[in-house]
Each structure stands twice: as structure tokens, then as C-alpha cells.
Amino acid sequence: MSEGILAAVLIVAIVVGAACYAIRHFSRAVGRVSVVIGALAVLVGALVPVVKILVEPSAAGAGGQVVAPAGPAMSNQDPAATEAGGGAR
């Protein structure tokens, strides 16, 4: 799970850095707007795998067998002795 999130964070950092560089160096507004639109499209595309990773249950925790806790220890004493109050509780 952490590998996918790390990849998404790196994608976001690279795209934001490249967009900032391009916006500073483009002198025309049309070029700046196109860079912003492209950067937003890449960021939305990078969020899709992150959402899939966060929504899916983890493979390590899922699939395990559920085991019920053990019941009280049974005594091998005579049931009549237990009813009379002589048995352990």
C-alpha cells in the first residue's frame, strides 16, 4: 500500500514542480493556462490509483481465519456434586 502512495506523492511533486517552472517561464497567458490545465489533469489521474489503494482492504489483514475464544474449562466432576455446591466454579 505504501508503494502506491509513495508513487502518487512523487507524481504530484514532479507535476507541481514542472508546472511552477513552466508558469514562471511562459510569457503568454495561453501557455500558462494550458500548463495549469495539463497539470490538473495529471494530478487527477494520479489520484485514481491512490483512491483504489485506500478503498481496497489490505491483503495482509484480510483473509485470515476467525477463531472463536475458548469456552470455560469443563470439569470432570459428578454433576450431582456440582449442583450440591461442592464443585468448582
PDB file of N, CA and C in Angstrom:
ATOM      1  N   MET A   1       0.822  -1.183   0.000  1.00  0.00           N
ATOM      2  CA  MET A   1       0.000   0.000   0.000  1.00  0.00           C
ATOM      3  C   MET A   1       0.869   1.251   0.000  1.00  0.00           C
ATOM      4  N   SER A   2       1.928   1.254   0.750  1.00  0.00           N
ATOM      5  CA  SER A   2       2.752   2.448   0.854  1.00  0.00           C
ATOM      6  C   SER A   2       3.484   2.740  -0.455  1.00  0.00           C
ATOM      7  N   GLU A   3       3.744   1.706  -1.260  1.00  0.00           N
ATOM      8  CA  GLU A   3       4.423   1.939  -2.538  1.00  0.00           C
ATOM      9  C   GLU A   3       3.545   2.756  -3.482  1.00  0.00           C
ATOM     10  N   GLY A   4       2.257   2.460  -3.500  1.00  0.00           N
ATOM     11  CA  GLY A   4       1.343   3.214  -4.356  1.00  0.00           C
ATOM     12  C   GLY A   4       1.197   4.650  -3.911  1.00  0.00           C
ATOM     13  N   ILE A   5       1.145   4.863  -2.606  1.00  0.00           N
ATOM     14  CA  ILE A   5       1.026   6.229  -2.093  1.00  0.00           C
ATOM     15  C   ILE A   5       2.311   7.001  -2.358  1.00  0.00           C
ATOM     16  N   LEU A   6       3.455   6.342  -2.182  1.00  0.00           N
ATOM     17  CA  LEU A   6       4.731   6.989  -2.472  1.00  0.00           C
ATOM     18  C   LEU A   6       4.815   7.388  -3.943  1.00  0.00           C
ATOM     19  N   ALA A   7       4.369   6.510  -4.823  1.00  0.00           N
ATOM     20  CA  ALA A   7       4.380   6.821  -6.258  1.00  0.00           C
ATOM     21  C   ALA A   7       3.480   8.019  -6.557  1.00  0.00           C
ATOM     22  N   ALA A   8       2.308   8.062  -5.930  1.00  0.00           N
ATOM     23  CA  ALA A   8       1.396   9.178  -6.163  1.00  0.00           C
ATOM     24  C   ALA A   8       1.974  10.489  -5.636  1.00  0.00           C
ATOM     25  N   VAL A   9       2.628  10.438  -4.483  1.00  0.00           N
ATOM     26  CA  VAL A   9       3.236  11.656  -3.932  1.00  0.00           C
ATOM     27  C   VAL A   9       4.356  12.147  -4.845  1.00  0.00           C
ATOM     28  N   LEU A  10       5.147  11.224  -5.369  1.00  0.00           N
ATOM     29  CA  LEU A  10       6.202  11.625  -6.294  1.00  0.00           C
ATOM     30  C   LEU A  10       5.635  12.219  -7.578  1.00  0.00           C
ATOM     31  N   ILE A  11       4.552  11.640  -8.079  1.00  0.00           N
ATOM     32  CA  ILE A  11       3.925  12.178  -9.288  1.00  0.00           C
ATOM     33  C   ILE A  11       3.424  13.597  -9.037  1.00  0.00           C
ATOM     34  N   VAL A  12       2.768  13.792  -7.892  1.00  0.00           N
ATOM     35  CA  VAL A  12       2.248  15.126  -7.557  1.00  0.00           C
ATOM     36  C   VAL A  12       3.396  16.118  -7.439  1.00  0.00           C
ATOM     37  N   ALA A  13       4.475  15.732  -6.765  1.00  0.00           N
ATOM     38  CA  ALA A  13       5.607  16.647  -6.592  1.00  0.00           C
ATOM     39  C   ALA A  13       6.247  17.013  -7.927  1.00  0.00           C
ATOM     40  N   ILE A  14       6.417  16.033  -8.795  1.00  0.00           N
ATOM     41  CA  ILE A  14       7.026  16.298 -10.096  1.00  0.00           C
ATOM     42  C   ILE A  14       6.136  17.190 -10.945  1.00  0.00           C
ATOM     43  N   VAL A  15       4.837  16.912 -10.940  1.00  0.00           N
ATOM     44  CA  VAL A  15       3.916  17.708 -11.761  1.00  0.00           C
ATOM     45  C   VAL A  15       3.836  19.137 -11.251  1.00  0.00           C
ATOM     46  N   VAL A  16       3.750  19.307  -9.937  1.00  0.00           N
ATOM     47  CA  VAL A  16       3.676  20.664  -9.379  1.00  0.00           C
ATOM     48  C   VAL A  16       4.967  21.426  -9.666  1.00  0.00           C
ATOM     49  N   GLY A  17       6.112  20.767  -9.516  1.00  0.00           N
ATOM     50  CA  GLY A  17       7.380  21.424  -9.817  1.00  0.00           C
ATOM     51  C   GLY A  17       7.490  21.823 -11.283  1.00  0.00           C
ATOM     52  N   ALA A  18       7.100  20.913 -12.170  1.00  0.00           N
ATOM     53  CA  ALA A  18       7.168  21.225 -13.604  1.00  0.00           C
ATOM     54  C   ALA A  18       6.187  22.327 -13.976  1.00  0.00           C
ATOM     55  N   ALA A  19       4.999  22.312 -13.365  1.00  0.00           N
ATOM     56  CA  ALA A  19       4.011  23.358 -13.657  1.00  0.00           C
ATOM     57  C   ALA A  19       4.504  24.715 -13.164  1.00  0.00           C
ATOM     58  N   CYS A  20       5.083  24.755 -11.990  1.00  0.00           N
ATOM     59  CA  CYS A  20       5.613  26.026 -11.473  1.00  0.00           C
ATOM     60  C   CYS A  20       6.728  26.567 -12.367  1.00  0.00           C
ATOM     61  N   TYR A  21       7.605  25.688 -12.805  1.00  0.00           N
ATOM     62  CA  TYR A  21       8.688  26.100 -13.698  1.00  0.00           C
ATOM     63  C   TYR A  21       8.130  26.636 -15.013  1.00  0.00           C
ATOM     64  N   ALA A  22       7.166  25.924 -15.581  1.00  0.00           N
ATOM     65  CA  ALA A  22       6.610  26.339 -16.869  1.00  0.00           C
ATOM     66  C   ALA A  22       5.838  27.646 -16.746  1.00  0.00           C
ATOM     67  N   ILE A  23       5.099  27.813 -15.655  1.00  0.00           N
ATOM     68  CA  ILE A  23       4.319  29.048 -15.481  1.00  0.00           C
ATOM     69  C   ILE A  23       5.246  30.245 -15.331  1.00  0.00           C
ATOM     70  N   ARG A  24       6.371  30.077 -14.645  1.00  0.00           N
ATOM     71  CA  ARG A  24       7.322  31.188 -14.482  1.00  0.00           C
ATOM     72  C   ARG A  24       7.972  31.575 -15.804  1.00  0.00           C
ATOM     73  N   HIS A  25       8.215  30.590 -16.662  1.00  0.00           N
ATOM     74  CA  HIS A  25       8.978  30.870 -17.867  1.00  0.00           C
ATOM     75  C   HIS A  25       8.128  31.158 -19.102  1.00  0.00           C
ATOM     76  N   PHE A  26       6.834  30.880 -19.045  1.00  0.00           N
ATOM     77  CA  PHE A  26       5.980  31.247 -20.177  1.00  0.00           C
ATOM     78  C   PHE A  26       5.538  32.692 -20.006  1.00  0.00           C
ATOM     79  N   SER A  27       5.674  33.457 -21.084  1.00  0.00           N
ATOM     80  CA  SER A  27       5.296  34.863 -21.003  1.00  0.00           C
ATOM     81  C   SER A  27       3.854  35.098 -21.456  1.00  0.00           C
ATOM     82  N   ARG A  28       3.319  34.179 -22.248  1.00  0.00           N
ATOM     83  CA  ARG A  28       1.955  34.359 -22.740  1.00  0.00           C
ATOM     84  C   ARG A  28       0.974  33.668 -21.805  1.00  0.00           C
ATOM     85  N   ALA A  29      -0.203  34.246 -21.671  1.00  0.00           N
ATOM     86  CA  ALA A  29      -1.234  33.706 -20.784  1.00  0.00           C
ATOM     87  C   ALA A  29      -1.773  32.379 -21.312  1.00  0.00           C
ATOM     88  N   VAL A  30      -1.815  32.230 -22.640  1.00  0.00           N
ATOM     89  CA  VAL A  30      -2.337  30.992 -23.217  1.00  0.00           C
ATOM     90  C   VAL A  30      -1.457  29.801 -22.818  1.00  0.00           C
ATOM     91  N   GLY A  31      -0.162  29.984 -22.845  1.00  0.00           N
ATOM     92  CA  GLY A  31       0.753  28.920 -22.449  1.00  0.00           C
ATOM     93  C   GLY A  31       0.611  28.568 -20.974  1.00  0.00           C
ATOM     94  N   ARG A  32       0.430  29.582 -20.147  1.00  0.00           N
ATOM     95  CA  ARG A  32       0.262  29.343 -18.711  1.00  0.00           C
ATOM     96  C   ARG A  32      -1.027  28.587 -18.424  1.00  0.00           C
ATOM     97  N   VAL A  33      -2.096  28.968 -19.079  1.00  0.00           N
ATOM     98  CA  VAL A  33      -3.386  28.300 -18.863  1.00  0.00           C
ATOM     99  C   VAL A  33      -3.311  26.844 -19.310  1.00  0.00           C
ATOM    100  N   SER A  34      -2.667  26.600 -20.443  1.00  0.00           N
ATOM    101  CA  SER A  34      -2.567  25.219 -20.921  1.00  0.00           C
ATOM    102  C   SER A  34      -1.729  24.364 -19.968  1.00  0.00           C
ATOM    103  N   VAL A  35      -0.696  24.934 -19.370  1.00  0.00           N
ATOM    104  CA  VAL A  35       0.116  24.194 -18.408  1.00  0.00           C
ATOM    105  C   VAL A  35      -0.703  23.872 -17.155  1.00  0.00           C
ATOM    106  N   VAL A  36      -1.487  24.821 -16.683  1.00  0.00           N
ATOM    107  CA  VAL A  36      -2.311  24.599 -15.491  1.00  0.00           C
ATOM    108  C   VAL A  36      -3.347  23.510 -15.762  1.00  0.00           C
ATOM    109  N   ILE A  37      -3.987  23.537 -16.910  1.00  0.00           N
ATOM    110  CA  ILE A  37      -4.986  22.519 -17.247  1.00  0.00           C
ATOM    111  C   ILE A  37      -4.329  21.138 -17.356  1.00  0.00           C
ATOM    112  N   GLY A  38      -3.180  21.080 -18.002  1.00  0.00           N
ATOM    113  CA  GLY A  38      -2.471  19.801 -18.113  1.00  0.00           C
ATOM    114  C   GLY A  38      -2.032  19.272 -16.757  1.00  0.00           C
ATOM    115  N   ALA A  39      -1.549  20.160 -15.879  1.00  0.00           N
ATOM    116  CA  ALA A  39      -1.113  19.736 -14.551  1.00  0.00           C
ATOM    117  C   ALA A  39      -2.283  19.214 -13.732  1.00  0.00           C
ATOM    118  N   LEU A  40      -3.428  19.875 -13.814  1.00  0.00           N
ATOM    119  CA  LEU A  40      -4.611  19.399 -13.094  1.00  0.00           C
ATOM    120  C   LEU A  40      -5.070  18.044 -13.612  1.00  0.00           C
ATOM    121  N   ALA A  41      -4.987  17.845 -14.925  1.00  0.00           N
ATOM    122  CA  ALA A  41      -5.385  16.551 -15.490  1.00  0.00           C
ATOM    123  C   ALA A  41      -4.461  15.432 -15.000  1.00  0.00           C
ATOM    124  N   VAL A  42      -3.173  15.688 -14.929  1.00  0.00           N
ATOM    125  CA  VAL A  42      -2.235  14.674 -14.443  1.00  0.00           C
ATOM    126  C   VAL A  42      -2.457  14.396 -12.965  1.00  0.00           C
ATOM    127  N   LEU A  43      -2.732  15.424 -12.186  1.00  0.00           N
ATOM    128  CA  LEU A  43      -2.959  15.233 -10.753  1.00  0.00           C
ATOM    129  C   LEU A  43      -4.221  14.416 -10.493  1.00  0.00           C
ATOM    130  N   VAL A  44      -5.272  14.689 -11.247  1.00  0.00           N
ATOM    131  CA  VAL A  44      -6.496  13.887 -11.097  1.00  0.00           C
ATOM    132  C   VAL A  44      -6.233  12.447 -11.518  1.00  0.00           C
ATOM    133  N   GLY A  45      -5.469  12.259 -12.564  1.00  0.00           N
ATOM    134  CA  GLY A  45      -5.111  10.906 -12.990  1.00  0.00           C
ATOM    135  C   GLY A  45      -4.272  10.173 -11.958  1.00  0.00           C
ATOM    136  N   ALA A  46      -3.444  10.895 -11.209  1.00  0.00           N
ATOM    137  CA  ALA A  46      -2.631  10.262 -10.170  1.00  0.00           C
ATOM    138  C   ALA A  46      -3.452   9.929  -8.937  1.00  0.00           C
ATOM    139  N   LEU A  47      -4.556  10.629  -8.726  1.00  0.00           N
ATOM    140  CA  LEU A  47      -5.389  10.360  -7.548  1.00  0.00           C
ATOM    141  C   LEU A  47      -6.206   9.078  -7.695  1.00  0.00           C
ATOM    142  N   VAL A  48      -6.493   8.654  -8.902  1.00  0.00           N
ATOM    143  CA  VAL A  48      -7.301   7.453  -9.110  1.00  0.00           C
ATOM    144  C   VAL A  48      -6.639   6.213  -8.488  1.00  0.00           C
ATOM    145  N   PRO A  49      -5.344   5.944  -8.731  1.00  0.00           N
ATOM    146  CA  PRO A  49      -4.733   4.779  -8.076  1.00  0.00           C
ATOM    147  C   PRO A  49      -4.679   4.904  -6.554  1.00  0.00           C
ATOM    148  N   VAL A  50      -4.500   6.117  -6.055  1.00  0.00           N
ATOM    149  CA  VAL A  50      -4.451   6.308  -4.600  1.00  0.00           C
ATOM    150  C   VAL A  50      -5.792   5.962  -3.982  1.00  0.00           C
ATOM    151  N   VAL A  51      -6.872   6.395  -4.603  1.00  0.00           N
ATOM    152  CA  VAL A  51      -8.199   6.081  -4.080  1.00  0.00           C
ATOM    153  C   VAL A  51      -8.448   4.579  -4.129  1.00  0.00           C
ATOM    154  N   LYS A  52      -8.015   3.915  -5.186  1.00  0.00           N
ATOM    155  CA  LYS A  52      -8.171   2.456  -5.270  1.00  0.00           C
ATOM    156  C   LYS A  52      -7.407   1.758  -4.151  1.00  0.00           C
ATOM    157  N   ILE A  53      -6.209   2.228  -3.869  1.00  0.00           N
ATOM    158  CA  ILE A  53      -5.406   1.621  -2.811  1.00  0.00           C
ATOM    159  C   ILE A  53      -6.062   1.821  -1.455  1.00  0.00           C
ATOM    160  N   LEU A  54      -6.587   3.009  -1.212  1.00  0.00           N
ATOM    161  CA  LEU A  54      -7.188   3.292   0.086  1.00  0.00           C
ATOM    162  C   LEU A  54      -8.518   2.587   0.279  1.00  0.00           C
ATOM    163  N   VAL A  55      -9.254   2.330  -0.799  1.00  0.00           N
ATOM    164  CA  VAL A  55     -10.566   1.693  -0.689  1.00  0.00           C
ATOM    165  C   VAL A  55     -10.431   0.188  -0.531  1.00  0.00           C
ATOM    166  N   GLU A  56      -9.473  -0.433  -1.198  1.00  0.00           N
ATOM    167  CA  GLU A  56      -9.307  -1.882  -1.126  1.00  0.00           C
ATOM    168  C   GLU A  56      -8.840  -2.284   0.265  1.00  0.00           C
ATOM    169  N   PRO A  57      -9.370  -3.403   0.782  1.00  0.00           N
ATOM    170  CA  PRO A  57      -8.868  -3.874   2.074  1.00  0.00           C
ATOM    171  C   PRO A  57      -7.452  -4.400   1.918  1.00  0.00           C
ATOM    172  N   SER A  58      -6.679  -4.295   2.955  1.00  0.00           N
ATOM    173  CA  SER A  58      -5.288  -4.741   2.861  1.00  0.00           C
ATOM    174  C   SER A  58      -5.239  -6.264   2.761  1.00  0.00           C
ATOM    175  N   ALA A  59      -4.320  -6.764   1.957  1.00  0.00           N
ATOM    176  CA  ALA A  59      -4.211  -8.204   1.741  1.00  0.00           C
ATOM    177  C   ALA A  59      -3.651  -8.904   2.972  1.00  0.00           C
ATOM    178  N   ALA A  60      -2.860  -8.207   3.774  1.00  0.00           N
ATOM    179  CA  ALA A  60      -2.254  -8.836   4.945  1.00  0.00           C
ATOM    180  C   ALA A  60      -3.291  -9.093   6.040  1.00  0.00           C
ATOM    181  N   GLY A  61      -4.201  -8.143   6.262  1.00  0.00           N
ATOM    182  CA  GLY A  61      -5.175  -8.291   7.329  1.00  0.00           C
ATOM    183  C   GLY A  61      -6.381  -9.111   6.914  1.00  0.00           C
ATOM    184  N   ALA A  62      -6.723  -9.089   5.658  1.00  0.00           N
ATOM    185  CA  ALA A  62      -7.904  -9.809   5.190  1.00  0.00           C
ATOM    186  C   ALA A  62      -7.536 -11.256   4.870  1.00  0.00           C
ATOM    187  N   GLY A  63      -8.526 -12.099   4.883  1.00  0.00           N
ATOM    188  CA  GLY A  63      -8.305 -13.479   4.506  1.00  0.00           C
ATOM    189  C   GLY A  63      -7.880 -14.372   5.652  1.00  0.00           C
ATOM    190  N   GLY A  64      -7.706 -13.814   6.815  1.00  0.00           N
ATOM    191  CA  GLY A  64      -7.343 -14.631   7.958  1.00  0.00           C
ATOM    192  C   GLY A  64      -8.549 -15.391   8.479  1.00  0.00           C
ATOM    193  N   GLN A  65      -8.290 -16.443   9.186  1.00  0.00           N
ATOM    194  CA  GLN A  65      -9.376 -17.262   9.716  1.00  0.00           C
ATOM    195  C   GLN A  65      -9.809 -16.703  11.055  1.00  0.00           C
ATOM    196  N   VAL A  66     -11.103 -16.583  11.248  1.00  0.00           N
ATOM    197  CA  VAL A  66     -11.640 -16.095  12.504  1.00  0.00           C
ATOM    198  C   VAL A  66     -11.771 -17.270  13.460  1.00  0.00           C
ATOM    199  N   VAL A  67     -11.212 -17.113  14.647  1.00  0.00           N
ATOM    200  CA  VAL A  67     -11.250 -18.171  15.641  1.00  0.00           C
ATOM    201  C   VAL A  67     -12.001 -17.654  16.855  1.00  0.00           C
ATOM    202  N   ALA A  68     -12.989 -18.419  17.292  1.00  0.00           N
ATOM    203  CA  ALA A  68     -13.762 -18.027  18.463  1.00  0.00           C
ATOM    204  C   ALA A  68     -12.940 -18.279  19.721  1.00  0.00           C
ATOM    205  N   PRO A  69     -13.142 -17.471  20.761  1.00  0.00           N
ATOM    206  CA  PRO A  69     -12.407 -17.703  22.001  1.00  0.00           C
ATOM    207  C   PRO A  69     -12.849 -19.006  22.656  1.00  0.00           C
ATOM    208  N   ALA A  70     -11.964 -19.571  23.434  1.00  0.00           N
ATOM    209  CA  ALA A  70     -12.258 -20.832  24.109  1.00  0.00           C
ATOM    210  C   ALA A  70     -13.320 -20.610  25.181  1.00  0.00           C
ATOM    211  N   GLY A  71     -14.179 -21.598  25.368  1.00  0.00           N
ATOM    212  CA  GLY A  71     -15.215 -21.528  26.393  1.00  0.00           C
ATOM    213  C   GLY A  71     -14.628 -21.826  27.761  1.00  0.00           C
ATOM    214  N   PRO A  72     -15.460 -21.808  28.788  1.00  0.00           N
ATOM    215  CA  PRO A  72     -14.970 -22.106  30.130  1.00  0.00           C
ATOM    216  C   PRO A  72     -14.499 -23.552  30.219  1.00  0.00           C
ATOM    217  N   ALA A  73     -13.529 -23.772  31.067  1.00  0.00           N
ATOM    218  CA  ALA A  73     -12.970 -25.117  31.233  1.00  0.00           C
ATOM    219  C   ALA A  73     -14.020 -26.023  31.853  1.00  0.00           C
ATOM    220  N   MET A  74     -14.171 -27.202  31.275  1.00  0.00           N
ATOM    221  CA  MET A  74     -15.157 -28.161  31.779  1.00  0.00           C
ATOM    222  C   MET A  74     -14.502 -29.049  32.829  1.00  0.00           C
ATOM    223  N   SER A  75     -15.248 -29.299  33.870  1.00  0.00           N
ATOM    224  CA  SER A  75     -14.743 -30.144  34.949  1.00  0.00           C
ATOM    225  C   SER A  75     -15.252 -31.561  34.748  1.00  0.00           C
ATOM    226  N   ASN A  76     -14.466 -32.552  35.146  1.00  0.00           N
ATOM    227  CA  ASN A  76     -14.858 -33.950  35.037  1.00  0.00           C
ATOM    228  C   ASN A  76     -15.532 -34.457  36.315  1.00  0.00           C
ATOM    229  N   GLN A  77     -16.058 -33.556  37.111  1.00  0.00           N
ATOM    230  CA  GLN A  77     -16.700 -33.951  38.354  1.00  0.00           C
ATOM    231  C   GLN A  77     -18.112 -34.436  38.085  1.00  0.00           C
ATOM    232  N   ASP A  78     -18.677 -35.084  39.095  1.00  0.00           N
ATOM    233  CA  ASP A  78     -20.044 -35.592  39.044  1.00  0.00           C
ATOM    234  C   ASP A  78     -21.012 -34.410  39.020  1.00  0.00           C
ATOM    235  N   PRO A  79     -21.995 -34.370  38.095  1.00  0.00           N
ATOM    236  CA  PRO A  79     -22.941 -33.255  38.051  1.00  0.00           C
ATOM    237  C   PRO A  79     -23.740 -33.109  39.348  1.00  0.00           C
ATOM    238  N   ALA A  80     -24.008 -34.183  40.037  1.00  0.00           N
ATOM    239  CA  ALA A  80     -24.758 -34.099  41.292  1.00  0.00           C
ATOM    240  C   ALA A  80     -23.947 -33.370  42.347  1.00  0.00           C
ATOM    241  N   ALA A  81     -22.640 -33.578  42.354  1.00  0.00           N
ATOM    242  CA  ALA A  81     -21.785 -32.902  43.333  1.00  0.00           C
ATOM    243  C   ALA A  81     -21.706 -31.420  43.025  1.00  0.00           C
ATOM    244  N   THR A  82     -21.741 -31.045  41.716  1.00  0.00           N
ATOM    245  CA  THR A  82     -21.694 -29.641  41.334  1.00  0.00           C
ATOM    246  C   THR A  82     -22.969 -28.921  41.750  1.00  0.00           C
ATOM    247  N   GLU A  83     -24.120 -29.566  41.601  1.00  0.00           N
ATOM    248  CA  GLU A  83     -25.394 -28.962  41.983  1.00  0.00           C
ATOM    249  C   GLU A  83     -25.484 -28.761  43.485  1.00  0.00           C
ATOM    250  N   ALA A  84     -24.849 -29.621  44.255  1.00  0.00           N
ATOM    251  CA  ALA A  84     -24.910 -29.530  45.707  1.00  0.00           C
ATOM    252  C   ALA A  84     -23.992 -28.425  46.235  1.00  0.00           C
ATOM    253  N   GLY A  85     -23.213 -27.814  45.353  1.00  0.00           N
ATOM    254  CA  GLY A  85     -22.352 -26.737  45.796  1.00  0.00           C
ATOM    255  C   GLY A  85     -20.942 -27.190  46.065  1.00  0.00           C
ATOM    256  N   GLY A  86     -20.632 -28.439  45.834  1.00  0.00           N
ATOM    257  CA  GLY A  86     -19.294 -28.943  46.113  1.00  0.00           C
ATOM    258  C   GLY A  86     -18.340 -28.779  44.946  1.00  0.00           C
ATOM    259  N   GLY A  87     -18.830 -28.366  43.778  1.00  0.00           N
ATOM    260  CA  GLY A  87     -17.966 -28.267  42.585  1.00  0.00           C
ATOM    261  C   GLY A  87     -17.296 -26.912  42.479  1.00  0.00           C
ATOM    262  N   ALA A  88     -16.274 -26.848  41.672  1.00  0.00           N
ATOM    263  CA  ALA A  88     -15.552 -25.592  41.460  1.00  0.00           C
ATOM    264  C   ALA A  88     -16.308 -24.754  40.443  1.00  0.00           C
ATOM    265  N   ARG A  89     -16.285 -23.474  40.651  1.00  0.00           N
ATOM    266  CA  ARG A  89     -16.949 -22.555  39.711  1.00  0.00           C
ATOM    267  C   ARG A  89     -15.962 -21.613  39.091  1.00  0.00           C
TER     268      ARG A  89
END
